[in-house]
C-alpha cells in the first residue's frame, strides 16, 4: 500500500504532510513557479539527496527561504539547506529519510520538468 494521496495534482504528497488538502494545489503551484523561475540545474547526489542550482539573485534566495520554511512546517521529514558557496551561486539541498525517497523522486521530476519550461 502506498503512503501517498491520490488526488489530482498532489499525487506524490505523502500522508505525513500536514498541510490542509485545500491548500496543497496552491503550494504545488508555488513550487512549480519557483522551479520554472529559479532552478538552473538539478543534481541527484544520492537517493536521499537532491541539489538544486538556483539563480543567484537575492529575490530568489528570499523566495527559497520562505517556501522551504513553510514546507518544513507541514512536511517535517524534509531537510532543506540553502547556501551561497560564492557570491554568484546559490544552492538548495533537499534531503529526506529513506521512507520518503519517492517524494524526493517526484520533487526532482517536477523541478526538471518546470525548469525546462522556464
Protein backbone atom coordinates (compact mmCIF):
# COMPACT_ATOMS: atom_id res chain seq x y z
CA UNK A 1 0.00 0.00 0.00
CA UNK A 2 1.29 3.44 -0.88
CA UNK A 3 1.80 6.21 1.65
CA UNK A 4 0.66 8.77 -0.89
CA UNK A 5 -2.60 10.57 -1.53
CA UNK A 6 -4.17 10.01 -4.92
CA UNK A 7 -5.86 13.33 -5.58
CA UNK A 8 -5.05 15.03 -8.88
CA UNK A 9 -2.10 17.40 -8.82
CA UNK A 10 -0.74 16.23 -5.49
CA UNK A 11 -0.49 12.51 -6.14
CA UNK A 12 3.04 12.46 -4.73
CA UNK A 13 2.17 14.20 -1.44
CA UNK A 14 2.71 11.74 1.43
CA UNK A 15 0.29 11.15 4.28
CA UNK A 16 2.91 12.67 6.61
CA UNK A 17 2.15 16.09 5.14
CA UNK A 18 0.02 18.18 7.49
CA UNK A 19 -0.79 20.95 5.01
CA UNK A 20 -4.57 21.11 4.66
CA UNK A 21 -5.69 19.35 1.49
CA UNK A 22 -7.35 22.51 0.14
CA UNK A 23 -4.02 24.39 0.33
CA UNK A 24 -1.93 21.74 -1.44
CA UNK A 25 -2.67 22.82 -5.03
CA UNK A 26 -1.58 26.37 -4.13
CA UNK A 27 1.71 25.15 -2.62
CA UNK A 28 2.30 22.91 -5.60
CA UNK A 29 1.80 25.89 -7.91
CA UNK A 30 4.25 27.91 -5.83
CA UNK A 31 6.89 25.19 -6.16
CA UNK A 32 6.24 24.82 -9.88
CA UNK A 33 6.67 28.57 -10.39
CA UNK A 34 9.83 28.55 -8.28
CA UNK A 35 11.25 25.67 -10.31
CA UNK A 36 10.45 27.50 -13.54
CA UNK A 37 11.81 30.87 -12.42
CA UNK A 38 14.80 29.93 -10.28
CA UNK A 39 16.18 26.45 -10.95
CA UNK A 40 19.18 26.34 -13.27
CA UNK A 41 20.39 22.81 -12.55
CA UNK A 42 19.22 19.63 -10.83
CA UNK A 43 21.71 17.15 -9.38
CA UNK A 44 20.72 13.92 -7.66
CA UNK A 45 23.62 13.32 -5.29
CA UNK A 46 22.07 10.20 -3.77
CA UNK A 47 18.68 8.56 -3.41
CA UNK A 48 18.02 10.76 -0.38
CA UNK A 49 19.76 13.96 -1.51
CA UNK A 50 18.80 16.41 -4.24
CA UNK A 51 20.72 19.60 -5.05
CA UNK A 52 19.11 22.42 -6.97
CA UNK A 53 21.36 25.02 -8.55
CA UNK A 54 19.46 28.29 -8.34
CA UNK A 55 19.58 31.71 -9.92
CA UNK A 56 21.79 33.71 -7.53
CA UNK A 57 19.51 36.75 -7.28
CA UNK A 58 18.63 38.00 -3.79
CA UNK A 59 14.90 37.70 -4.55
CA UNK A 60 15.38 34.00 -5.36
CA UNK A 61 17.10 33.46 -2.03
CA UNK A 62 14.24 35.20 -0.21
CA UNK A 63 11.64 33.13 -2.05
CA UNK A 64 13.54 29.90 -1.38
CA UNK A 65 13.84 30.67 2.33
CA UNK A 66 10.14 31.48 2.62
CA UNK A 67 8.94 28.49 0.60
CA UNK A 68 11.19 25.96 2.32
CA UNK A 69 10.31 27.29 5.79
CA UNK A 70 6.61 26.89 5.07
CA UNK A 71 7.14 23.44 3.56
CA UNK A 72 9.20 22.29 6.56
CA UNK A 73 6.39 23.31 8.88
CA UNK A 74 3.94 20.89 7.26
CA UNK A 75 6.28 18.19 5.93
CA UNK A 76 8.83 17.86 8.70
CA UNK A 77 10.65 14.98 7.02
CA UNK A 78 12.24 17.42 4.54
CA UNK A 79 15.65 18.85 5.41
CA UNK A 80 16.38 21.97 3.35
CA UNK A 81 19.76 23.69 3.28
CA UNK A 82 20.13 26.89 1.30
CA UNK A 83 23.71 28.02 0.77
CA UNK A 84 25.70 30.54 -1.20
CA UNK A 85 29.09 28.93 -1.96
CA UNK A 86 30.19 32.17 -3.60
CA UNK A 87 28.52 35.49 -4.49
CA UNK A 88 27.45 34.20 -7.92
CA UNK A 89 25.87 30.90 -6.92
CA UNK A 90 23.04 29.67 -4.76
CA UNK A 91 22.19 26.05 -4.00
CA UNK A 92 19.29 24.35 -2.30
CA UNK A 93 19.99 20.91 -0.89
CA UNK A 94 16.94 18.79 -0.15
CA UNK A 95 17.28 15.65 1.92
CA UNK A 96 14.70 13.09 3.03
CA UNK A 97 14.78 9.89 5.07
CA UNK A 98 14.67 6.57 3.24
CA UNK A 99 10.92 6.27 3.82
CA UNK A 100 10.33 9.38 1.68
CA UNK A 101 12.65 8.79 -1.28
CA UNK A 102 9.59 8.52 -3.53
CA UNK A 103 8.61 12.07 -2.55
CA UNK A 104 12.11 13.32 -3.41
CA UNK A 105 11.89 11.45 -6.73
CA UNK A 106 8.68 13.30 -7.58
CA UNK A 107 10.11 16.64 -6.45
CA UNK A 108 13.16 16.11 -8.66
CA UNK A 109 10.99 15.20 -11.65
CA UNK A 110 8.89 18.35 -11.20
CA UNK A 111 12.00 20.51 -10.80
CA UNK A 112 13.41 19.20 -14.09
CA UNK A 113 10.10 19.48 -15.93
CA UNK A 114 9.38 23.04 -14.83
CA UNK A 115 13.00 24.17 -15.18
CA UNK A 116 12.83 23.06 -18.81
CA UNK A 117 9.63 25.10 -19.32
CA UNK A 118 11.12 28.27 -17.79
